[in-house]
C-alpha atoms as a PDB file:
ATOM      1  CA  MET A   1     108.682  50.482-199.294  1.00  0.00           C
ATOM      2  CA  LYS A   2     105.278  49.662-197.789  1.00  0.00           C
ATOM      3  CA  ILE A   3     104.079  51.042-194.354  1.00  0.00           C
ATOM      4  CA  ILE A   4     101.200  49.178-192.632  1.00  0.00           C
ATOM      5  CA  VAL A   5      98.973  51.035-190.258  1.00  0.00           C
ATOM      6  CA  THR A   6      97.130  48.306-188.229  1.00  0.00           C
ATOM      7  CA  ASP A   7      94.578  50.536-186.397  1.00  0.00           C
ATOM      8  CA  SER A   8      91.534  51.172-188.632  1.00  0.00           C
ATOM      9  CA  SER A   9      89.935  53.702-186.328  1.00  0.00           C
ATOM     10  CA  TYR A  10      92.038  56.692-187.204  1.00  0.00           C
ATOM     11  CA  SER A  11      90.135  59.606-188.739  1.00  0.00           C
ATOM     12  CA  ASP A  12      90.639  60.845-192.346  1.00  0.00           C
ATOM     13  CA  ASP A  13      92.659  63.835-191.242  1.00  0.00           C
ATOM     14  CA  LEU A  14      94.999  61.608-189.134  1.00  0.00           C
ATOM     15  CA  ARG A  15      95.440  59.262-192.085  1.00  0.00           C
ATOM     16  CA  GLN A  16      96.294  62.155-194.307  1.00  0.00           C
ATOM     17  CA  MET A  17      98.991  63.165-191.759  1.00  0.00           C
ATOM     18  CA  ILE A  18     100.613  59.732-192.180  1.00  0.00           C
ATOM     19  CA  LEU A  19     100.228  59.873-195.969  1.00  0.00           C
ATOM     20  CA  ASP A  20     101.943  63.354-196.054  1.00  0.00           C
ATOM     21  CA  SER A  21     104.804  62.147-193.821  1.00  0.00           C
ATOM     22  CA  ALA A  22     105.351  58.908-195.901  1.00  0.00           C
ATOM     23  CA  GLY A  23     106.205  60.829-199.022  1.00  0.00           C
ATOM     24  CA  ASP A  24     106.225  58.576-202.121  1.00  0.00           C
ATOM     25  CA  ASN A  25     106.142  55.349-200.017  1.00  0.00           C
ATOM     26  CA  SER A  26     103.121  53.144-200.012  1.00  0.00           C
ATOM     27  CA  VAL A  27     100.814  53.318-196.901  1.00  0.00           C
ATOM     28  CA  VAL A  28      98.063  50.712-196.294  1.00  0.00           C
ATOM     29  CA  PHE A  29      95.197  51.011-193.951  1.00  0.00           C
ATOM     30  CA  PRO A  30      93.670  47.531-193.573  1.00  0.00           C
ATOM     31  CA  VAL A  31      90.063  47.463-192.223  1.00  0.00           C
ATOM     32  CA  SER A  32      90.038  43.906-190.983  1.00  0.00           C
ATOM     33  CA  GLY A  33      92.319  41.293-189.529  1.00  0.00           C
ATOM     34  CA  GLU A  34      91.996  39.301-192.748  1.00  0.00           C
ATOM     35  CA  GLU A  35      92.829  42.185-194.932  1.00  0.00           C
ATOM     36  CA  LEU A  36      95.785  43.039-192.635  1.00  0.00           C
ATOM     37  CA  LEU A  37      97.397  39.619-193.159  1.00  0.00           C
ATOM     38  CA  GLU A  38      96.787  39.837-196.876  1.00  0.00           C
ATOM     39  CA  THR A  39      98.627  43.135-197.147  1.00  0.00           C
ATOM     40  CA  VAL A  40     101.676  42.040-195.291  1.00  0.00           C
ATOM     41  CA  ASP A  41     104.462  40.918-197.647  1.00  0.00           C
ATOM     42  CA  GLU A  42     108.063  41.282-198.476  1.00  0.00           C
ATOM     43  CA  GLU A  43     107.623  45.059-199.352  1.00  0.00           C
ATOM     44  CA  VAL A  44     106.616  45.864-195.798  1.00  0.00           C
ATOM     45  CA  GLU A  45     109.342  47.701-193.874  1.00  0.00           C
ATOM     46  CA  VAL A  46     107.469  49.630-191.285  1.00  0.00           C
ATOM     47  CA  ILE A  47     104.338  48.641-189.125  1.00  0.00           C
ATOM     48  CA  PHE A  48     102.580  51.153-187.041  1.00  0.00           C
ATOM     49  CA  GLY A  49     100.524  49.285-184.510  1.00  0.00           C
ATOM     50  CA  GLY A  50     100.413  45.696-183.486  1.00  0.00           C
ATOM     51  CA  CYS A  51     102.819  43.129-184.916  1.00  0.00           C
ATOM     52  CA  SER A  52     102.108  39.358-184.557  1.00  0.00           C
ATOM     53  CA  GLU A  53     104.576  36.627-185.231  1.00  0.00           C
ATOM     54  CA  GLU A  54     102.601  35.603-188.343  1.00  0.00           C
ATOM     55  CA  MET A  55     103.022  39.077-189.629  1.00  0.00           C
ATOM     56  CA  MET A  56     106.802  38.903-188.949  1.00  0.00           C
ATOM     57  CA  GLU A  57     106.970  35.711-190.903  1.00  0.00           C
ATOM     58  CA  ARG A  58     105.212  37.368-193.904  1.00  0.00           C
ATOM     59  CA  ALA A  59     107.384  40.525-193.796  1.00  0.00           C
ATOM     60  CA  PRO A  60     110.960  39.339-194.034  1.00  0.00           C
ATOM     61  CA  ASN A  61     112.168  42.887-194.793  1.00  0.00           C
ATOM     62  CA  LEU A  62     110.442  44.461-191.772  1.00  0.00           C
ATOM     63  CA  ARG A  63     112.840  46.831-190.073  1.00  0.00           C
ATOM     64  CA  TRP A  64     110.818  48.945-187.661  1.00  0.00           C
ATOM     65  CA  VAL A  65     107.615  48.566-185.540  1.00  0.00           C
ATOM     66  CA  GLN A  66     106.060  51.588-183.827  1.00  0.00           C
ATOM     67  CA  SER A  67     103.803  50.399-181.122  1.00  0.00           C
ATOM     68  CA  SER A  68     100.747  52.317-180.110  1.00  0.00           C
ATOM     69  CA  SER A  69     101.149  51.156-176.562  1.00  0.00           C
ATOM     70  CA  ALA A  70     103.462  52.514-173.873  1.00  0.00           C
ATOM     71  CA  GLY A  71     103.837  49.272-171.942  1.00  0.00           C
ATOM     72  CA  MET A  72     105.642  46.393-173.702  1.00  0.00           C
ATOM     73  CA  ASP A  73     104.558  43.530-171.503  1.00  0.00           C
ATOM     74  CA  ALA A  74     102.045  42.135-173.991  1.00  0.00           C
ATOM     75  CA  PHE A  75     103.545  43.726-177.160  1.00  0.00           C
ATOM     76  CA  LEU A  76     107.077  42.431-177.025  1.00  0.00           C
ATOM     77  CA  THR A  77     106.695  38.754-178.130  1.00  0.00           C
ATOM     78  CA  PRO A  78     109.724  36.410-177.834  1.00  0.00           C
ATOM     79  CA  ALA A  79     110.116  36.519-181.671  1.00  0.00           C
ATOM     80  CA  LEU A  80     110.058  40.290-181.766  1.00  0.00           C
ATOM     81  CA  ARG A  81     112.379  40.469-178.759  1.00  0.00           C
ATOM     82  CA  ASP A  82     114.878  38.168-180.369  1.00  0.00           C
ATOM     83  CA  SER A  83     114.846  39.807-183.798  1.00  0.00           C
ATOM     84  CA  ASP A  84     116.892  42.747-185.102  1.00  0.00           C
ATOM     85  CA  ILE A  85     113.665  44.726-185.744  1.00  0.00           C
ATOM     86  CA  VAL A  86     113.785  48.160-184.093  1.00  0.00           C
ATOM     87  CA  VAL A  87     110.783  48.694-181.815  1.00  0.00           C
ATOM     88  CA  THR A  88     109.632  52.049-180.616  1.00  0.00           C
ATOM     89  CA  ASN A  89     106.798  52.598-178.061  1.00  0.00           C
ATOM     90  CA  ALA A  90     104.462  55.308-177.010  1.00  0.00           C
ATOM     91  CA  ALA A  91     106.188  55.926-173.683  1.00  0.00           C
ATOM     92  CA  GLY A  92     105.394  59.426-172.307  1.00  0.00           C
ATOM     93  CA  LEU A  93     102.555  60.063-174.830  1.00  0.00           C
ATOM     94  CA  TYR A  94      99.854  59.014-172.414  1.00  0.00           C
ATOM     95  CA  GLY A  95     101.428  60.559-169.421  1.00  0.00           C
ATOM     96  CA  PRO A  96      98.888  63.501-169.087  1.00  0.00           C
ATOM     97  CA  ASN A  97      95.762  61.503-169.235  1.00  0.00           C
ATOM     98  CA  VAL A  98      97.091  58.516-167.151  1.00  0.00           C
ATOM     99  CA  ALA A  99      98.195  60.940-164.500  1.00  0.00           C
ATOM    100  CA  ASP A 100      94.831  62.588-164.621  1.00  0.00           C
ATOM    101  CA  GLN A 101      93.142  59.213-164.078  1.00  0.00           C
ATOM    102  CA  GLY A 102      95.336  58.511-161.098  1.00  0.00           C
ATOM    103  CA  PHE A 103      94.386  61.712-159.448  1.00  0.00           C
ATOM    104  CA  ALA A 104      90.749  61.280-160.340  1.00  0.00           C
ATOM    105  CA  LEU A 105      90.877  58.022-158.488  1.00  0.00           C
ATOM    106  CA  LEU A 106      92.690  59.501-155.525  1.00  0.00           C
ATOM    107  CA  LEU A 107      90.392  62.487-155.324  1.00  0.00           C
ATOM    108  CA  GLY A 108      87.388  60.241-155.618  1.00  0.00           C
ATOM    109  CA  LEU A 109      88.591  58.272-152.596  1.00  0.00           C
ATOM    110  CA  VAL A 110      89.645  61.113-150.382  1.00  0.00           C
ATOM    111  CA  ARG A 111      86.447  63.124-151.065  1.00  0.00           C
ATOM    112  CA  GLY A 112      84.119  60.158-150.864  1.00  0.00           C
ATOM    113  CA  ILE A 113      82.788  60.705-154.402  1.00  0.00           C
ATOM    114  CA  HIS A 114      82.241  56.993-154.884  1.00  0.00           C
ATOM    115  CA  HIS A 115      79.805  56.870-151.978  1.00  0.00           C
ATOM    116  CA  PHE A 116      77.797  59.791-153.333  1.00  0.00           C
ATOM    117  CA  ALA A 117      77.700  58.298-156.812  1.00  0.00           C
ATOM    118  CA  ARG A 118      76.076  55.132-155.540  1.00  0.00           C
ATOM    119  CA  ARG A 119      73.517  57.120-153.762  1.00  0.00           C
ATOM    120  CA  GLN A 120      72.784  59.156-156.825  1.00  0.00           C
ATOM    121  CA  ASP A 121      71.630  55.982-158.467  1.00  0.00           C
ATOM    122  CA  ASN A 122      68.851  55.887-155.905  1.00  0.00           C
ATOM    123  CA  HIS A 123      68.131  59.594-155.861  1.00  0.00           C
ATOM    124  CA  ASN A 124      69.365  59.672-152.300  1.00  0.00           C
ATOM    125  CA  TRP A 125      70.381  63.051-150.802  1.00  0.00           C
ATOM    126  CA  ASP A 126      72.066  61.436-147.779  1.00  0.00           C
ATOM    127  CA  ARG A 127      74.937  63.768-146.635  1.00  0.00           C
ATOM    128  CA  HIS A 128      76.422  61.162-144.234  1.00  0.00           C
ATOM    129  CA  ILE A 129      80.081  60.584-145.019  1.00  0.00           C
ATOM    130  CA  PRO A 130      81.269  57.062-143.987  1.00  0.00           C
ATOM    131  CA  THR A 131      84.895  57.867-144.450  1.00  0.00           C
ATOM    132  CA  PRO A 132      87.056  60.885-143.555  1.00  0.00           C
ATOM    133  CA  ILE A 133      87.187  63.634-146.152  1.00  0.00           C
ATOM    134  CA  ILE A 134      90.908  64.468-146.644  1.00  0.00           C
ATOM    135  CA  GLU A 135      92.567  67.513-148.119  1.00  0.00           C
ATOM    136  CA  LEU A 136      95.613  66.769-150.275  1.00  0.00           C
ATOM    137  CA  PRO A 137      97.845  69.731-149.410  1.00  0.00           C
ATOM    138  CA  ASP A 138     100.748  68.727-147.093  1.00  0.00           C
ATOM    139  CA  LEU A 139     100.253  65.033-147.725  1.00  0.00           C
ATOM    140  CA  THR A 140     103.084  62.906-148.969  1.00  0.00           C
ATOM    141  CA  ILE A 141     102.592  61.354-152.404  1.00  0.00           C
ATOM    142  CA  GLY A 142     104.868  58.439-153.227  1.00  0.00           C
ATOM    143  CA  ILE A 143     105.356  57.605-156.916  1.00  0.00           C
ATOM    144  CA  VAL A 144     106.790  54.208-158.011  1.00  0.00           C
ATOM    145  CA  GLY A 145     108.574  54.875-161.382  1.00  0.00           C
ATOM    146  CA  MET A 146     109.799  58.245-162.516  1.00  0.00           C
ATOM    147  CA  GLY A 147     109.388  57.939-166.306  1.00  0.00           C
ATOM    148  CA  GLY A 148     106.850  59.781-168.392  1.00  0.00           C
ATOM    149  CA  ILE A 149     103.804  58.956-166.532  1.00  0.00           C
ATOM    150  CA  GLY A 150     105.494  59.405-163.075  1.00  0.00           C
ATOM    151  CA  GLY A 151     106.766  62.861-164.166  1.00  0.00           C
ATOM    152  CA  PHE A 152     103.224  63.981-164.940  1.00  0.00           C
ATOM    153  CA  MET A 153     102.022  62.533-161.664  1.00  0.00           C
ATOM    154  CA  ALA A 154     104.658  64.629-159.907  1.00  0.00           C
ATOM    155  CA  ASN A 155     103.477  67.730-161.718  1.00  0.00           C
ATOM    156  CA  ARG A 156      99.965  67.168-160.612  1.00  0.00           C
ATOM    157  CA  ALA A 157     101.018  66.262-157.108  1.00  0.00           C
ATOM    158  CA  LYS A 158     102.884  69.526-156.781  1.00  0.00           C
ATOM    159  CA  GLY A 159      99.733  71.403-157.987  1.00  0.00           C
ATOM    160  CA  PHE A 160      98.004  70.073-154.938  1.00  0.00           C
ATOM    161  CA  ASP A 161     100.889  71.407-152.684  1.00  0.00           C
ATOM    162  CA  THR A 162     101.929  67.862-151.645  1.00  0.00           C
ATOM    163  CA  TYR A 163     105.375  66.564-150.741  1.00  0.00           C
ATOM    164  CA  VAL A 164     106.483  64.173-153.467  1.00  0.00           C
ATOM    165  CA  ILE A 165     108.909  61.239-152.979  1.00  0.00           C
ATOM    166  CA  ALA A 166     109.705  58.688-155.730  1.00  0.00           C
ATOM    167  CA  VAL A 167     111.702  55.565-156.402  1.00  0.00           C
ATOM    168  CA  ASP A 168     113.075  54.503-159.745  1.00  0.00           C
ATOM    169  CA  ALA A 169     115.248  51.528-160.830  1.00  0.00           C
ATOM    170  CA  PHE A 170     117.354  53.585-163.295  1.00  0.00           C
ATOM    171  CA  ARG A 171     116.778  57.284-163.030  1.00  0.00           C
ATOM    172  CA  THR A 172     119.198  59.181-160.759  1.00  0.00           C
ATOM    173  CA  ASP A 173     118.574  62.853-161.859  1.00  0.00           C
ATOM    174  CA  LYS A 174     115.937  64.255-159.497  1.00  0.00           C
ATOM    175  CA  PRO A 175     113.221  66.233-161.387  1.00  0.00           C
ATOM    176  CA  GLU A 176     112.520  69.701-160.028  1.00  0.00           C
ATOM    177  CA  ASN A 177     108.970  68.718-159.067  1.00  0.00           C
ATOM    178  CA  VAL A 178     110.142  65.787-156.875  1.00  0.00           C
ATOM    179  CA  ASP A 179     111.318  66.417-153.424  1.00  0.00           C
ATOM    180  CA  GLU A 180     113.204  63.129-153.005  1.00  0.00           C
ATOM    181  CA  LEU A 181     114.206  60.591-155.652  1.00  0.00           C
ATOM    182  CA  MET A 182     115.487  57.289-154.260  1.00  0.00           C
ATOM    183  CA  PRO A 183     116.670  54.080-155.817  1.00  0.00           C
ATOM    184  CA  ILE A 184     114.224  51.133-156.077  1.00  0.00           C
ATOM    185  CA  ASP A 185     115.668  49.429-153.100  1.00  0.00           C
ATOM    186  CA  GLN A 186     114.178  52.183-150.970  1.00  0.00           C
ATOM    187  CA  LEU A 187     110.655  51.218-151.885  1.00  0.00           C
ATOM    188  CA  PRO A 188     109.852  50.059-148.367  1.00  0.00           C
ATOM    189  CA  ASP A 189     110.737  53.532-147.160  1.00  0.00           C
ATOM    190  CA  LEU A 190     108.347  55.133-149.679  1.00  0.00           C
ATOM    191  CA  MET A 191     105.565  52.688-148.712  1.00  0.00           C
ATOM    192  CA  ARG A 192     106.010  53.568-145.121  1.00  0.00           C
ATOM    193  CA  ARG A 193     106.052  57.379-145.522  1.00  0.00           C
ATOM    194  CA  SER A 194     103.449  57.927-148.242  1.00  0.00           C
ATOM    195  CA  ASP A 195      99.770  58.994-147.661  1.00  0.00           C
ATOM    196  CA  ALA A 196      99.106  57.852-151.277  1.00  0.00           C
ATOM    197  CA  VAL A 197     101.259  55.365-153.309  1.00  0.00           C
ATOM    198  CA  MET A 198     100.882  55.774-157.046  1.00  0.00           C
ATOM    199  CA  ILE A 199     102.192  53.100-159.437  1.00  0.00           C
ATOM    200  CA  ALA A 200     103.773  54.410-162.598  1.00  0.00           C
ATOM    201  CA  CYS A 201     106.360  51.818-163.520  1.00  0.00           C
ATOM    202  CA  PRO A 202     106.336  49.398-166.472  1.00  0.00           C
ATOM    203  CA  LEU A 203     105.442  45.648-165.959  1.00  0.00           C
ATOM    204  CA  THR A 204     108.698  43.572-166.273  1.00  0.00           C
ATOM    205  CA  ASP A 205     109.942  40.438-164.712  1.00  0.00           C
ATOM    206  CA  GLU A 206     111.458  42.654-161.919  1.00  0.00           C
ATOM    207  CA  THR A 207     108.238  44.630-161.262  1.00  0.00           C
ATOM    208  CA  ARG A 208     105.678  41.793-161.422  1.00  0.00           C
ATOM    209  CA  GLY A 209     104.346  41.485-157.824  1.00  0.00           C
ATOM    210  CA  LEU A 210     106.515  44.269-156.619  1.00  0.00           C
ATOM    211  CA  ILE A 211     103.759  45.635-154.446  1.00  0.00           C
ATOM    212  CA  ASN A 212     103.411  42.571-152.224  1.00  0.00           C
ATOM    213  CA  ALA A 213     102.059  41.739-148.779  1.00  0.00           C
ATOM    214  CA  ASP A 214     105.308  42.813-147.089  1.00  0.00           C
ATOM    215  CA  ASN A 215     105.194  46.310-148.782  1.00  0.00           C
ATOM    216  CA  LEU A 216     101.495  46.699-148.275  1.00  0.00           C
ATOM    217  CA  ALA A 217     101.966  45.957-144.546  1.00  0.00           C
ATOM    218  CA  LEU A 218     104.382  48.987-144.328  1.00  0.00           C
ATOM    219  CA  MET A 219     101.672  51.456-145.451  1.00  0.00           C
ATOM    220  CA  LYS A 220      99.803  53.713-143.104  1.00  0.00           C
ATOM    221  CA  PRO A 221      96.275  52.618-142.295  1.00  0.00           C
ATOM    222  CA  THR A 222      95.179  55.960-143.572  1.00  0.00           C
ATOM    223  CA  ALA A 223      97.049  55.676-146.926  1.00  0.00           C
ATOM    224  CA  TYR A 224      95.713  54.776-150.445  1.00  0.00           C
ATOM    225  CA  LEU A 225      97.158  52.736-153.219  1.00  0.00           C
ATOM    226  CA  ILE A 226      96.511  54.007-156.800  1.00  0.00           C
ATOM    227  CA  ASN A 227      97.434  51.730-159.791  1.00  0.00           C
ATOM    228  CA  VAL A 228      97.077  53.109-163.330  1.00  0.00           C
ATOM    229  CA  ALA A 229     100.043  51.176-164.735  1.00  0.00           C
ATOM    230  CA  ARG A 230      99.681  47.410-164.986  1.00  0.00           C
ATOM    231  CA  GLY A 231      97.700  45.094-162.721  1.00  0.00           C
ATOM    232  CA  PRO A 232     100.283  42.354-162.117  1.00  0.00           C
ATOM    233  CA  ILE A 233     102.678  44.855-160.510  1.00  0.00           C
ATOM    234  CA  VAL A 234     100.396  44.511-157.423  1.00  0.00           C
ATOM    235  CA  ASP A 235      99.820  41.171-155.664  1.00  0.00           C
ATOM    236  CA  GLN A 236      96.045  41.376-155.891  1.00  0.00           C
ATOM    237  CA  ASP A 237      95.331  38.732-153.205  1.00  0.00           C
ATOM    238  CA  ALA A 238      97.580  40.614-150.851  1.00  0.00           C
ATOM    239  CA  LEU A 239      95.829  43.875-151.754  1.00  0.00           C
ATOM    240  CA  VAL A 240      92.421  42.347-151.048  1.00  0.00           C
ATOM    241  CA  GLU A 241      93.539  41.147-147.687  1.00  0.00           C
ATOM    242  CA  ALA A 242      95.101  44.617-146.827  1.00  0.00           C
ATOM    243  CA  LEU A 243      91.791  46.257-147.882  1.00  0.00           C
ATOM    244  CA  GLN A 244      89.673  43.869-145.828  1.00  0.00           C
ATOM    245  CA  ASN A 245      91.828  44.106-142.734  1.00  0.00           C
ATOM    246  CA  GLY A 246      92.074  47.908-142.800  1.00  0.00           C
ATOM    247  CA  THR A 247      95.860  47.765-143.372  1.00  0.00           C
ATOM    248  CA  ILE A 248      95.331  50.573-145.910  1.00  0.00           C
ATOM    249  CA  ALA A 249      92.439  52.955-146.244  1.00  0.00           C
ATOM    250  CA  GLY A 250      91.540  52.201-149.929  1.00  0.00           C
ATOM    251  CA  ALA A 251      92.574  51.616-153.442  1.00  0.00           C
ATOM    252  CA  GLY A 252      91.909  53.234-156.880  1.00  0.00           C
ATOM    253  CA  LEU A 253      92.479  50.746-159.680  1.00  0.00           C
ATOM    254  CA  ASP A 254      92.383  51.340-163.414  1.00  0.00           C
ATOM    255  CA  VAL A 255      94.069  47.967-163.941  1.00  0.00           C
ATOM    256  CA  THR A 256      93.787  44.494-162.289  1.00  0.00           C
ATOM    257  CA  GLU A 257      95.903  41.306-162.244  1.00  0.00           C
ATOM    258  CA  VAL A 258      93.356  39.712-164.577  1.00  0.00           C
ATOM    259  CA  GLU A 259      91.420  41.737-167.076  1.00  0.00           C
ATOM    260  CA  PRO A 260      88.453  41.936-167.125  1.00  0.00           C
ATOM    261  CA  LEU A 261      88.350  41.727-163.334  1.00  0.00           C
ATOM    262  CA  GLU A 262      86.656  38.359-162.440  1.00  0.00           C
ATOM    263  CA  GLU A 263      82.941  38.751-161.563  1.00  0.00           C
ATOM    264  CA  ASP A 264      83.419  37.143-158.221  1.00  0.00           C
ATOM    265  CA  SER A 265      86.360  39.323-157.096  1.00  0.00           C
ATOM    266  CA  PRO A 266      85.709  40.889-153.736  1.00  0.00           C
ATOM    267  CA  LEU A 267      87.173  44.133-155.055  1.00  0.00           C
ATOM    268  CA  TRP A 268      83.869  44.905-156.841  1.00  0.00           C
ATOM    269  CA  ASP A 269      81.880  45.342-153.634  1.00  0.00           C
ATOM    270  CA  MET A 270      84.434  47.006-151.418  1.00  0.00           C
ATOM    271  CA  ASP A 271      83.407  50.510-150.102  1.00  0.00           C
ATOM    272  CA  ASN A 272      86.944  51.538-150.016  1.00  0.00           C
ATOM    273  CA  VAL A 273      87.749  50.757-153.660  1.00  0.00           C
ATOM    274  CA  ILE A 274      87.142  52.667-156.959  1.00  0.00           C
ATOM    275  CA  ILE A 275      87.547  50.619-160.129  1.00  0.00           C
ATOM    276  CA  THR A 276      87.781  51.903-163.709  1.00  0.00           C
ATOM    277  CA  PRO A 277      88.150  49.425-166.637  1.00  0.00           C
ATOM    278  CA  HIS A 278      91.669  50.227-167.917  1.00  0.00           C
ATOM    279  CA  VAL A 279      90.664  53.522-169.468  1.00  0.00           C
ATOM    280  CA  ALA A 280      93.459  55.775-168.187  1.00  0.00           C
ATOM    281  CA  GLY A 281      95.133  56.064-171.591  1.00  0.00           C
ATOM    282  CA  VAL A 282      91.878  57.334-173.199  1.00  0.00           C
ATOM    283  CA  SER A 283      91.454  60.968-174.061  1.00  0.00           C
ATOM    284  CA  GLN A 284      90.436  63.291-176.978  1.00  0.00           C
ATOM    285  CA  ARG A 285      94.190  63.872-177.657  1.00  0.00           C
ATOM    286  CA  ARG A 286      95.276  60.256-177.585  1.00  0.00           C
ATOM    287  CA  PHE A 287      95.226  59.513-181.292  1.00  0.00           C
ATOM    288  CA  PRO A 288      96.391  62.922-182.551  1.00  0.00           C
ATOM    289  CA  ARG A 289      99.251  62.739-180.138  1.00  0.00           C
ATOM    290  CA  LEU A 290     100.205  59.233-181.111  1.00  0.00           C
ATOM    291  CA  VAL A 291      99.951  59.806-184.827  1.00  0.00           C
ATOM    292  CA  GLY A 292     101.888  63.015-184.555  1.00  0.00           C
ATOM    293  CA  PHE A 293     104.647  61.100-182.778  1.00  0.00           C
ATOM    294  CA  PHE A 294     104.684  58.332-185.359  1.00  0.00           C
ATOM    295  CA  CYS A 295     104.791  60.846-188.242  1.00  0.00           C
ATOM    296  CA  ALA A 296     107.838  62.674-186.633  1.00  0.00           C
ATOM    297  CA  ASN A 297     109.510  59.295-186.065  1.00  0.00           C
ATOM    298  CA  LEU A 298     108.708  58.270-189.721  1.00  0.00           C
ATOM    299  CA  LYS A 299     110.370  61.339-191.122  1.00  0.00           C
ATOM    300  CA  LYS A 300     113.446  60.536-189.048  1.00  0.00           C
ATOM    301  CA  TYR A 301     113.463  56.925-190.215  1.00  0.00           C
ATOM    302  CA  LEU A 302     113.129  58.001-193.881  1.00  0.00           C
ATOM    303  CA  ALA A 303     116.047  60.467-193.269  1.00  0.00           C
ATOM    304  CA  GLY A 304     118.211  57.788-191.622  1.00  0.00           C
ATOM    305  CA  GLU A 305     118.144  59.612-188.285  1.00  0.00           C
ATOM    306  CA  PRO A 306     117.925  57.977-184.807  1.00  0.00           C
ATOM    307  CA  LEU A 307     114.274  57.263-183.689  1.00  0.00           C
ATOM    308  CA  ASP A 308     112.782  58.418-180.504  1.00  0.00           C
ATOM    309  CA  ASN A 309     111.449  55.931-177.843  1.00  0.00           C
ATOM    310  CA  VAL A 310     113.539  52.971-178.947  1.00  0.00           C
ATOM    311  CA  VAL A 311     112.681  49.985-176.700  1.00  0.00           C
ATOM    312  CA  ARG A 312     115.457  48.410-174.837  1.00  0.00           C
ATOM    313  CA  LYS A 313     114.430  44.853-175.510  1.00  0.00           C
ATOM    314  CA  GLU A 314     116.701  43.319-172.850  1.00  0.00           C
ATOM    315  CA  LEU A 315     114.911  45.447-170.222  1.00  0.00           C
ATOM    316  CA  GLY A 316     111.394  45.098-171.615  1.00  0.00           C
ATOM    317  CA  PHE A 317     110.573  48.748-171.978  1.00  0.00           C
END
């Protein structure tokens, strides 16, 4: 059996972890896209990383693909979705760092850090604060999606002594660190009550445009929207209008509807917006955590045991 690892950036010690977990099976670490296609053949049974339709055609005996991504919106091609190949994802592995990014954006907004950062570029010690400085304790944090990332968001929200409400399309068991868990049809109630709305759900056909003009209009004029999930979950035109009209106080965005964000987007120049370039999943622990998860799953695969994080293809995550 051959195992292909498509990411060439793993360190030697992480590669050795994979080799140790593979036992006597062959592991290939291609260093280029051209070499990757050359190594994919009928012996390939496992792919760790990306899997194109061309790779699927060259690997008729492919049985399992471990994605390095948590979200499946770009990864789950029609061919992969319609195949009998088992797909597992990295759901939950990036929860700590993505939740950190969400709260970094929120704290930046409520403490006015973005204003001071811009002044720093000009060596300007101006202490004037153009927006209210807000303490988080006793605020209501609304989390859309109570999966792995949502759970870590709730942990951090409770660390700031906030009241946490959440909606989820599938989960019904309320975590201890969530004060109220509601079905997804209660999203308008969450939007209306929250001082900060944090997006943590996957991008699917059902969640595309979920945060639309109607839902944004329900938010408090003092409330913030934080999106560290996927850009198309939020209707970006509606968000721009809400920000321009003062319907909401501000937004922290690690993701946008189109990436990179268009150069002429009004979001770039808004004083009530902080933008980071889809980096929430990055941390010093990202690769060790991901490779460790793959190795544990690989041992289960070789032993004929059920795998963790099997994607429900019909749902898209």
